[in-house]
Amino acid sequence: MLSAVSGTIAERLGLPCVKTSIVSEGGNRSFNGAGVMIGGEAVERQRNPDLSLEEIEAELKRVLGVEKVLWVNEGPVNDQLPFRGRVPGSDGKTGAFTFGTGGHVDEFVTFVDEHTILLAEVTEEVARQNRVSRINCQRFEDAYQRLSMATDVAGKPFTIIRIPEAPLLYQVFRPGDYVYEALKDLHYEDGTVFPAGEPIEVMVASSYNNFLITNGLILAQSYSQEGMVESIRAQDEQAMSILAKAYPAHRIVPIKTLPVNSRGGGIHCITQQEPRLNSKN
């Protein structure tokens, strides 16, 4: 179905349609518009277990027309694939389920322009507070080390802007809920036995990187609402301020996205961007 849709769009716009046999999702890549792509290594390997990373990279270059692929590894814990098993819950002890993609880059790293990268960050103070943030801190700093040594096609290094990790949020699902029904029949790698008939806690795929760039707006994810701790409002304000500086020609529009995030995605995940065509098209 998806190939039929993309083929129809290409035909109507007069664009070539390039096919591939590898499994890869748009949320796991970010482009600088000048021949460089950032991709998530862990996700691509998981989707294509019979291919080497070099083979995957060569195919991405062929299909997408990029000259360089910059690989980051694992994404945040709150974007973990569901069948991997439980993660620390809201109390830090009881295990929570996840409903993520396995580490799509749009959850933690984004090209702002040809020379600038926006990367999630966990401060040392926050990392000391809970185990999930400590793991995320390690993964984001691994990405920082990789990207700080990377260059564009002309050999120039990138400027890296840091944006805070979004608040770690949880939601309770019960029998009959979409997420509950999707999780109950999975085989879990850590030996988890699903508590059928009982409510479960699910870690939300929250992120400040999972935003949509439009011609004049940035549709950004925000989380502060009545009943939440004051620190979340401060996180939202800090993130929106960083986005405003990164995209001075755009208006930043914060949107409460918890319902989307709790189902394993975000604004960037549920939208599809199309490039502006030349007038001859």
C-alpha atoms as a PDB file:
ATOM      1  CA  MET A   1       0.000   0.000   0.000  1.00  0.00           C
ATOM      2  CA  LEU A   2       2.732   2.480   0.961  1.00  0.00           C
ATOM      3  CA  SER A   3       4.672   1.792  -2.243  1.00  0.00           C
ATOM      4  CA  ALA A   4       1.494   2.324  -4.260  1.00  0.00           C
ATOM      5  CA  VAL A   5       0.879   5.681  -2.582  1.00  0.00           C
ATOM      6  CA  SER A   6       4.451   6.902  -3.062  1.00  0.00           C
ATOM      7  CA  GLY A   7       4.455   5.709  -6.674  1.00  0.00           C
ATOM      8  CA  THR A   8       1.207   7.563  -7.398  1.00  0.00           C
ATOM      9  CA  ILE A   9       2.537  10.778  -5.827  1.00  0.00           C
ATOM     10  CA  ALA A  10       5.764  10.535  -7.838  1.00  0.00           C
ATOM     11  CA  GLU A  11       3.824   9.951 -11.052  1.00  0.00           C
ATOM     12  CA  ARG A  12       1.524  12.923 -10.500  1.00  0.00           C
ATOM     13  CA  LEU A  13       4.455  15.224  -9.699  1.00  0.00           C
ATOM     14  CA  GLY A  14       6.518  13.974 -12.585  1.00  0.00           C
ATOM     15  CA  LEU A  15       9.266  12.670 -10.317  1.00  0.00           C
ATOM     16  CA  PRO A  16      11.311   9.460 -10.640  1.00  0.00           C
ATOM     17  CA  CYS A  17      10.443   6.623  -8.248  1.00  0.00           C
ATOM     18  CA  VAL A  18      13.433   4.725  -6.844  1.00  0.00           C
ATOM     19  CA  LYS A  19      12.811   1.330  -5.255  1.00  0.00           C
ATOM     20  CA  THR A  20      14.826  -0.583  -2.670  1.00  0.00           C
ATOM     21  CA  SER A  21      14.633  -3.874  -0.800  1.00  0.00           C
ATOM     22  CA  ILE A  22      16.004  -2.578   2.516  1.00  0.00           C
ATOM     23  CA  VAL A  23      13.685  -1.732   5.404  1.00  0.00           C
ATOM     24  CA  SER A  24      14.076   1.848   6.593  1.00  0.00           C
ATOM     25  CA  GLU A  25      11.799   4.582   7.944  1.00  0.00           C
ATOM     26  CA  GLY A  26      11.851   8.334   7.378  1.00  0.00           C
ATOM     27  CA  GLY A  27      11.981   9.012  11.103  1.00  0.00           C
ATOM     28  CA  ASN A  28      15.412   7.410  11.243  1.00  0.00           C
ATOM     29  CA  ARG A  29      17.156   9.957   9.060  1.00  0.00           C
ATOM     30  CA  SER A  30      17.793  13.672   8.973  1.00  0.00           C
ATOM     31  CA  PHE A  31      19.300  15.579   6.044  1.00  0.00           C
ATOM     32  CA  ASN A  32      21.313  18.784   5.813  1.00  0.00           C
ATOM     33  CA  GLY A  33      20.181  19.425   2.228  1.00  0.00           C
ATOM     34  CA  ALA A  34      23.774  19.380   1.005  1.00  0.00           C
ATOM     35  CA  GLY A  35      24.624  15.715   0.632  1.00  0.00           C
ATOM     36  CA  VAL A  36      24.792  14.588   4.281  1.00  0.00           C
ATOM     37  CA  MET A  37      22.401  12.373   6.212  1.00  0.00           C
ATOM     38  CA  ILE A  38      22.310  11.382   9.883  1.00  0.00           C
ATOM     39  CA  GLY A  39      21.044   7.835  10.459  1.00  0.00           C
ATOM     40  CA  GLY A  40      20.435   5.618  13.474  1.00  0.00           C
ATOM     41  CA  GLU A  41      22.735   2.602  13.341  1.00  0.00           C
ATOM     42  CA  ALA A  42      20.903   0.428  15.879  1.00  0.00           C
ATOM     43  CA  VAL A  43      17.588   0.822  14.061  1.00  0.00           C
ATOM     44  CA  GLU A  44      18.960   0.118  10.585  1.00  0.00           C
ATOM     45  CA  ARG A  45      20.781  -2.994  11.815  1.00  0.00           C
ATOM     46  CA  GLN A  46      17.663  -4.267  13.578  1.00  0.00           C
ATOM     47  CA  ARG A  47      15.521  -3.759  10.465  1.00  0.00           C
ATOM     48  CA  ASN A  48      18.076  -5.359   8.113  1.00  0.00           C
ATOM     49  CA  PRO A  49      19.828  -8.112  10.115  1.00  0.00           C
ATOM     50  CA  ASP A  50      21.207  -9.876   7.030  1.00  0.00           C
ATOM     51  CA  LEU A  51      23.080  -6.800   5.772  1.00  0.00           C
ATOM     52  CA  SER A  52      26.279  -5.185   7.015  1.00  0.00           C
ATOM     53  CA  LEU A  53      26.229  -1.508   7.964  1.00  0.00           C
ATOM     54  CA  GLU A  54      28.389  -0.818   4.898  1.00  0.00           C
ATOM     55  CA  GLU A  55      25.797  -2.478   2.646  1.00  0.00           C
ATOM     56  CA  ILE A  56      22.972  -0.531   4.260  1.00  0.00           C
ATOM     57  CA  GLU A  57      24.886   2.721   3.885  1.00  0.00           C
ATOM     58  CA  ALA A  58      25.654   2.075   0.218  1.00  0.00           C
ATOM     59  CA  GLU A  59      21.976   1.444  -0.499  1.00  0.00           C
ATOM     60  CA  LEU A  60      20.867   4.571   1.370  1.00  0.00           C
ATOM     61  CA  LYS A  61      23.333   6.622  -0.658  1.00  0.00           C
ATOM     62  CA  ARG A  62      22.015   5.110  -3.893  1.00  0.00           C
ATOM     63  CA  VAL A  63      18.350   5.568  -3.074  1.00  0.00           C
ATOM     64  CA  LEU A  64      18.511   8.952  -1.347  1.00  0.00           C
ATOM     65  CA  GLY A  65      21.291  10.566  -3.366  1.00  0.00           C
ATOM     66  CA  VAL A  66      23.443  11.537  -0.385  1.00  0.00           C
ATOM     67  CA  GLU A  67      27.244  11.541  -0.354  1.00  0.00           C
ATOM     68  CA  LYS A  68      27.832  10.948   3.357  1.00  0.00           C
ATOM     69  CA  VAL A  69      25.992   9.107   6.118  1.00  0.00           C
ATOM     70  CA  LEU A  70      26.806  10.055   9.717  1.00  0.00           C
ATOM     71  CA  TRP A  71      25.899   7.212  12.045  1.00  0.00           C
ATOM     72  CA  VAL A  72      24.700   7.668  15.607  1.00  0.00           C
ATOM     73  CA  ASN A  73      23.903   4.555  17.612  1.00  0.00           C
ATOM     74  CA  GLU A  74      21.113   4.024  20.134  1.00  0.00           C
ATOM     75  CA  GLY A  75      18.226   6.381  20.758  1.00  0.00           C
ATOM     76  CA  PRO A  76      16.543   7.231  24.071  1.00  0.00           C
ATOM     77  CA  VAL A  77      15.171   4.555  26.386  1.00  0.00           C
ATOM     78  CA  ASN A  78      11.652   5.958  26.047  1.00  0.00           C
ATOM     79  CA  ASP A  79      11.725   5.094  22.321  1.00  0.00           C
ATOM     80  CA  GLN A  80      12.664   1.461  22.938  1.00  0.00           C
ATOM     81  CA  LEU A  81      11.035  -1.278  20.873  1.00  0.00           C
ATOM     82  CA  PRO A  82       8.214  -2.836  22.938  1.00  0.00           C
ATOM     83  CA  PHE A  83       9.402  -6.449  22.755  1.00  0.00           C
ATOM     84  CA  ARG A  84      12.803  -5.609  24.248  1.00  0.00           C
ATOM     85  CA  GLY A  85      11.208  -5.705  27.697  1.00  0.00           C
ATOM     86  CA  ARG A  86      10.444  -3.418  30.594  1.00  0.00           C
ATOM     87  CA  VAL A  87      12.252  -0.268  31.653  1.00  0.00           C
ATOM     88  CA  PRO A  88      12.251   1.573  35.018  1.00  0.00           C
ATOM     89  CA  GLY A  89       8.792   2.867  35.854  1.00  0.00           C
ATOM     90  CA  SER A  90       7.694   6.191  37.300  1.00  0.00           C
ATOM     91  CA  ASP A  91       8.634   4.995  40.792  1.00  0.00           C
ATOM     92  CA  GLY A  92      12.111   3.983  39.601  1.00  0.00           C
ATOM     93  CA  LYS A  93      11.480   0.356  40.538  1.00  0.00           C
ATOM     94  CA  THR A  94       8.394  -1.221  38.992  1.00  0.00           C
ATOM     95  CA  GLY A  95       8.932  -2.015  35.326  1.00  0.00           C
ATOM     96  CA  ALA A  96       7.125   0.005  32.672  1.00  0.00           C
ATOM     97  CA  PHE A  97       6.449  -1.017  29.101  1.00  0.00           C
ATOM     98  CA  THR A  98       7.561   0.986  26.060  1.00  0.00           C
ATOM     99  CA  PHE A  99       5.894   1.574  22.698  1.00  0.00           C
ATOM    100  CA  GLY A 100       8.657   3.065  20.573  1.00  0.00           C
ATOM    101  CA  THR A 101      10.521   2.602  17.292  1.00  0.00           C
ATOM    102  CA  GLY A 102      13.836   1.411  18.692  1.00  0.00           C
ATOM    103  CA  GLY A 103      15.702   4.695  18.396  1.00  0.00           C
ATOM    104  CA  HIS A 104      14.653   6.808  15.411  1.00  0.00           C
ATOM    105  CA  VAL A 105      16.955   9.810  15.106  1.00  0.00           C
ATOM    106  CA  ASP A 106      14.029  12.232  14.987  1.00  0.00           C
ATOM    107  CA  GLU A 107      13.659  11.570  18.712  1.00  0.00           C
ATOM    108  CA  PHE A 108      17.054  13.049  19.601  1.00  0.00           C
ATOM    109  CA  VAL A 109      19.038  14.580  16.710  1.00  0.00           C
ATOM    110  CA  THR A 110      18.053  16.897  13.845  1.00  0.00           C
ATOM    111  CA  PHE A 111      19.807  18.870  11.129  1.00  0.00           C
ATOM    112  CA  VAL A 112      18.856  22.544  11.469  1.00  0.00           C
ATOM    113  CA  ASP A 113      20.638  23.582   8.281  1.00  0.00           C
ATOM    114  CA  GLU A 114      23.690  22.618   6.203  1.00  0.00           C
ATOM    115  CA  HIS A 115      26.109  23.291   9.035  1.00  0.00           C
ATOM    116  CA  THR A 116      24.101  22.954  12.271  1.00  0.00           C
ATOM    117  CA  ILE A 117      22.860  19.965  14.272  1.00  0.00           C
ATOM    118  CA  LEU A 118      20.342  20.025  17.142  1.00  0.00           C
ATOM    119  CA  LEU A 119      21.108  17.252  19.645  1.00  0.00           C
ATOM    120  CA  ALA A 120      19.300  16.256  22.836  1.00  0.00           C
ATOM    121  CA  GLU A 121      21.159  16.585  26.120  1.00  0.00           C
ATOM    122  CA  VAL A 122      20.859  15.319  29.669  1.00  0.00           C
ATOM    123  CA  THR A 123      22.793  17.343  32.227  1.00  0.00           C
ATOM    124  CA  GLU A 124      24.863  15.591  34.889  1.00  0.00           C
ATOM    125  CA  GLU A 125      22.443  16.840  37.546  1.00  0.00           C
ATOM    126  CA  VAL A 126      19.440  15.309  35.779  1.00  0.00           C
ATOM    127  CA  ALA A 127      21.373  12.099  35.027  1.00  0.00           C
ATOM    128  CA  ARG A 128      21.909  11.581  38.758  1.00  0.00           C
ATOM    129  CA  GLN A 129      18.173  11.617  39.407  1.00  0.00           C
ATOM    130  CA  ASN A 130      17.127   8.402  37.687  1.00  0.00           C
ATOM    131  CA  ARG A 131      18.427   5.451  35.708  1.00  0.00           C
ATOM    132  CA  VAL A 132      16.603   6.257  32.464  1.00  0.00           C
ATOM    133  CA  SER A 133      18.160   9.708  32.257  1.00  0.00           C
ATOM    134  CA  ARG A 134      21.595   8.224  33.018  1.00  0.00           C
ATOM    135  CA  ILE A 135      21.269   5.812  30.109  1.00  0.00           C
ATOM    136  CA  ASN A 136      19.957   8.544  27.822  1.00  0.00           C
ATOM    137  CA  CYS A 137      22.838  10.783  28.857  1.00  0.00           C
ATOM    138  CA  GLN A 138      25.352   8.114  27.821  1.00  0.00           C
ATOM    139  CA  ARG A 139      23.643   7.584  24.482  1.00  0.00           C
ATOM    140  CA  PHE A 140      23.343  11.296  23.684  1.00  0.00           C
ATOM    141  CA  GLU A 141      26.990  11.913  24.602  1.00  0.00           C
ATOM    142  CA  ASP A 142      28.042   9.008  22.380  1.00  0.00           C
ATOM    143  CA  ALA A 143      26.158  10.723  19.543  1.00  0.00           C
ATOM    144  CA  TYR A 144      27.836  14.019  20.420  1.00  0.00           C
ATOM    145  CA  GLN A 145      31.291  12.454  20.222  1.00  0.00           C
ATOM    146  CA  ARG A 146      30.529  10.920  16.838  1.00  0.00           C
ATOM    147  CA  LEU A 147      29.015  14.081  15.381  1.00  0.00           C
ATOM    148  CA  SER A 148      31.642  16.436  16.804  1.00  0.00           C
ATOM    149  CA  MET A 149      34.256  14.517  14.805  1.00  0.00           C
ATOM    150  CA  ALA A 150      32.148  14.436  11.625  1.00  0.00           C
ATOM    151  CA  THR A 151      32.411  16.813   8.676  1.00  0.00           C
ATOM    152  CA  ASP A 152      30.264  17.859   5.735  1.00  0.00           C
ATOM    153  CA  VAL A 153      31.068  16.972   2.140  1.00  0.00           C
ATOM    154  CA  ALA A 154      33.590  19.821   2.020  1.00  0.00           C
ATOM    155  CA  GLY A 155      35.382  18.578   5.137  1.00  0.00           C
ATOM    156  CA  LYS A 156      34.036  21.284   7.470  1.00  0.00           C
ATOM    157  CA  PRO A 157      32.868  20.400  11.025  1.00  0.00           C
ATOM    158  CA  PHE A 158      29.331  21.008  12.185  1.00  0.00           C
ATOM    159  CA  THR A 159      28.042  23.344  14.876  1.00  0.00           C
ATOM    160  CA  ILE A 160      26.128  21.334  17.498  1.00  0.00           C
ATOM    161  CA  ILE A 161      23.348  22.960  19.522  1.00  0.00           C
ATOM    162  CA  ARG A 162      22.075  21.105  22.589  1.00  0.00           C
ATOM    163  CA  ILE A 163      18.401  20.969  23.569  1.00  0.00           C
ATOM    164  CA  PRO A 164      17.170  19.406  26.824  1.00  0.00           C
ATOM    165  CA  GLU A 165      15.786  15.924  27.033  1.00  0.00           C
ATOM    166  CA  ALA A 166      12.004  16.118  27.230  1.00  0.00           C
ATOM    167  CA  PRO A 167      10.405  15.191  30.564  1.00  0.00           C
ATOM    168  CA  LEU A 168      10.161  11.472  31.232  1.00  0.00           C
ATOM    169  CA  LEU A 169       6.444  10.754  31.316  1.00  0.00           C
ATOM    170  CA  TYR A 170       4.294   7.680  31.906  1.00  0.00           C
ATOM    171  CA  GLN A 171       0.714   6.774  31.134  1.00  0.00           C
ATOM    172  CA  VAL A 172      -1.528   3.989  32.428  1.00  0.00           C
ATOM    173  CA  PHE A 173      -3.344   1.785  29.900  1.00  0.00           C
ATOM    174  CA  ARG A 174      -6.076  -0.761  30.567  1.00  0.00           C
ATOM    175  CA  PRO A 175      -7.633  -3.677  28.687  1.00  0.00           C
ATOM    176  CA  GLY A 176      -9.315  -2.417  25.544  1.00  0.00           C
ATOM    177  CA  ASP A 177      -6.927   0.508  25.027  1.00  0.00           C
ATOM    178  CA  TYR A 178      -5.099   0.420  21.690  1.00  0.00           C
ATOM    179  CA  VAL A 179      -1.617   0.337  23.232  1.00  0.00           C
ATOM    180  CA  TYR A 180      -2.622  -2.312  25.782  1.00  0.00           C
ATOM    181  CA  GLU A 181      -4.002  -4.613  23.086  1.00  0.00           C
ATOM    182  CA  ALA A 182      -0.882  -4.134  20.943  1.00  0.00           C
ATOM    183  CA  LEU A 183       1.424  -5.091  23.817  1.00  0.00           C
ATOM    184  CA  LYS A 184      -0.425  -7.986  25.422  1.00  0.00           C
ATOM    185  CA  ASP A 185       0.485 -10.687  22.870  1.00  0.00           C
ATOM    186  CA  LEU A 186       4.163  -9.844  22.370  1.00  0.00           C
ATOM    187  CA  HIS A 187       7.014 -12.179  23.290  1.00  0.00           C
ATOM    188  CA  TYR A 188       9.380 -10.179  25.504  1.00  0.00           C
ATOM    189  CA  GLU A 189      13.131 -10.698  25.235  1.00  0.00           C
ATOM    190  CA  ASP A 190      13.710 -10.084  28.950  1.00  0.00           C
ATOM    191  CA  GLY A 191      11.223 -12.785  29.948  1.00  0.00           C
ATOM    192  CA  THR A 192       8.453 -10.380  30.956  1.00  0.00           C
ATOM    193  CA  VAL A 193       5.082 -12.044  31.360  1.00  0.00           C
ATOM    194  CA  PHE A 194       2.349  -9.608  30.392  1.00  0.00           C
ATOM    195  CA  PRO A 195      -0.087  -9.057  33.300  1.00  0.00           C
ATOM    196  CA  ALA A 196      -3.226  -9.813  31.286  1.00  0.00           C
ATOM    197  CA  GLY A 197      -6.323  -8.090  32.608  1.00  0.00           C
ATOM    198  CA  GLU A 198      -4.353  -5.675  34.827  1.00  0.00           C
ATOM    199  CA  PRO A 199      -3.503  -2.001  34.112  1.00  0.00           C
ATOM    200  CA  ILE A 200       0.014  -1.367  32.833  1.00  0.00           C
ATOM    201  CA  GLU A 201       2.300   1.641  32.930  1.00  0.00           C
ATOM    202  CA  VAL A 202       3.832   2.707  29.609  1.00  0.00           C
ATOM    203  CA  MET A 203       6.738   5.110  29.188  1.00  0.00           C
ATOM    204  CA  VAL A 204       5.867   7.875  26.746  1.00  0.00           C
ATOM    205  CA  ALA A 205       8.035   8.613  23.679  1.00  0.00           C
ATOM    206  CA  SER A 206       8.473  12.271  24.629  1.00  0.00           C
ATOM    207  CA  SER A 207      10.953  14.462  22.732  1.00  0.00           C
ATOM    208  CA  TYR A 208      11.715  18.086  21.865  1.00  0.00           C
ATOM    209  CA  ASN A 209      13.487  17.002  18.653  1.00  0.00           C
ATOM    210  CA  ASN A 210      10.418  15.422  17.097  1.00  0.00           C
ATOM    211  CA  PHE A 211       9.050  18.612  15.546  1.00  0.00           C
ATOM    212  CA  LEU A 212       7.758  19.552  12.093  1.00  0.00           C
ATOM    213  CA  ILE A 213       9.395  22.255   9.985  1.00  0.00           C
ATOM    214  CA  THR A 214       6.938  24.044   7.675  1.00  0.00           C
ATOM    215  CA  ASN A 215       7.462  27.049   5.414  1.00  0.00           C
ATOM    216  CA  GLY A 216       6.949  29.536   8.218  1.00  0.00           C
ATOM    217  CA  LEU A 217       6.269  27.572  11.392  1.00  0.00           C
ATOM    218  CA  ILE A 218       7.904  25.042  13.662  1.00  0.00           C
ATOM    219  CA  LEU A 219       5.236  22.784  15.144  1.00  0.00           C
ATOM    220  CA  ALA A 220       6.935  21.805  18.393  1.00  0.00           C
ATOM    221  CA  GLN A 221       6.086  19.302  21.103  1.00  0.00           C
ATOM    222  CA  SER A 222       5.386  20.583  24.610  1.00  0.00           C
ATOM    223  CA  TYR A 223       4.293  18.869  27.816  1.00  0.00           C
ATOM    224  CA  SER A 224       3.410  21.303  30.599  1.00  0.00           C
ATOM    225  CA  GLN A 225      -0.188  21.138  31.716  1.00  0.00           C
ATOM    226  CA  GLU A 226      -2.264  21.487  34.861  1.00  0.00           C
ATOM    227  CA  GLY A 227      -1.271  19.014  37.540  1.00  0.00           C
ATOM    228  CA  MET A 228       2.319  18.565  36.368  1.00  0.00           C
ATOM    229  CA  VAL A 229       5.364  19.739  38.285  1.00  0.00           C
ATOM    230  CA  GLU A 230       6.656  23.256  37.636  1.00  0.00           C
ATOM    231  CA  SER A 231       9.967  21.973  36.294  1.00  0.00           C
ATOM    232  CA  ILE A 232       8.208  20.658  33.163  1.00  0.00           C
ATOM    233  CA  ARG A 233       6.977  24.152  32.300  1.00  0.00           C
ATOM    234  CA  ALA A 234      10.547  25.413  32.678  1.00  0.00           C
ATOM    235  CA  GLN A 235      11.796  22.617  30.389  1.00  0.00           C
ATOM    236  CA  ASP A 236       9.200  23.546  27.777  1.00  0.00           C
ATOM    237  CA  GLU A 237      10.180  27.207  27.899  1.00  0.00           C
ATOM    238  CA  GLN A 238      13.880  26.398  27.587  1.00  0.00           C
ATOM    239  CA  ALA A 239      13.273  24.080  24.635  1.00  0.00           C
ATOM    240  CA  MET A 240      11.049  26.600  22.822  1.00  0.00           C
ATOM    241  CA  SER A 241      13.670  29.307  23.353  1.00  0.00           C
ATOM    242  CA  ILE A 242      16.386  27.107  21.840  1.00  0.00           C
ATOM    243  CA  LEU A 243      14.173  26.284  18.856  1.00  0.00           C
ATOM    244  CA  ALA A 244      13.436  29.993  18.338  1.00  0.00           C
ATOM    245  CA  LYS A 245      17.169  30.775  18.211  1.00  0.00           C
ATOM    246  CA  ALA A 246      17.858  27.837  15.905  1.00  0.00           C
ATOM    247  CA  TYR A 247      15.046  28.839  13.516  1.00  0.00           C
ATOM    248  CA  PRO A 248      14.871  32.668  13.655  1.00  0.00           C
ATOM    249  CA  ALA A 249      12.829  32.877  10.427  1.00  0.00           C
ATOM    250  CA  HIS A 250      10.106  30.593  11.817  1.00  0.00           C
ATOM    251  CA  ARG A 251       7.397  31.058  14.439  1.00  0.00           C
ATOM    252  CA  ILE A 252       7.531  28.387  17.143  1.00  0.00           C
ATOM    253  CA  VAL A 253       4.104  26.866  17.830  1.00  0.00           C
ATOM    254  CA  PRO A 254       4.058  24.568  20.912  1.00  0.00           C
ATOM    255  CA  ILE A 255       1.513  21.747  20.743  1.00  0.00           C
ATOM    256  CA  LYS A 256       0.488  19.380  23.546  1.00  0.00           C
ATOM    257  CA  THR A 257       1.397  16.028  22.017  1.00  0.00           C
ATOM    258  CA  LEU A 258       1.087  13.549  24.894  1.00  0.00           C
ATOM    259  CA  PRO A 259      -1.722  11.548  23.190  1.00  0.00           C
ATOM    260  CA  VAL A 260       0.471  11.045  20.101  1.00  0.00           C
ATOM    261  CA  ASN A 261       3.659  10.383  22.065  1.00  0.00           C
ATOM    262  CA  SER A 262       1.977   7.751  24.219  1.00  0.00           C
ATOM    263  CA  ARG A 263       1.332   5.755  21.069  1.00  0.00           C
ATOM    264  CA  GLY A 264       4.986   5.650  20.102  1.00  0.00           C
ATOM    265  CA  GLY A 265       5.442   8.687  17.893  1.00  0.00           C
ATOM    266  CA  GLY A 266       5.385  12.436  17.578  1.00  0.00           C
ATOM    267  CA  ILE A 267       4.562  15.317  15.241  1.00  0.00           C
ATOM    268  CA  HIS A 268       7.402  14.466  12.869  1.00  0.00           C
ATOM    269  CA  CYS A 269       6.381  10.793  12.874  1.00  0.00           C
ATOM    270  CA  ILE A 270       2.789  11.361  11.781  1.00  0.00           C
ATOM    271  CA  THR A 271       3.504  13.901   9.030  1.00  0.00           C
ATOM    272  CA  GLN A 272       5.136  13.622   5.621  1.00  0.00           C
ATOM    273  CA  GLN A 273       6.972  16.537   4.093  1.00  0.00           C
ATOM    274  CA  GLU A 274       7.149  17.180   0.352  1.00  0.00           C
ATOM    275  CA  PRO A 275       9.833  19.383  -1.224  1.00  0.00           C
ATOM    276  CA  ARG A 276       8.929  22.536  -3.090  1.00  0.00           C
ATOM    277  CA  LEU A 277       9.124  21.839  -6.825  1.00  0.00           C
ATOM    278  CA  ASN A 278      10.757  23.977  -9.459  1.00  0.00           C
ATOM    279  CA  SER A 279       8.311  25.965 -11.584  1.00  0.00           C
ATOM    280  CA  LYS A 280       8.906  23.685 -14.579  1.00  0.00           C
ATOM    281  CA  ASN A 281       7.282  20.860 -12.621  1.00  0.00           C
END
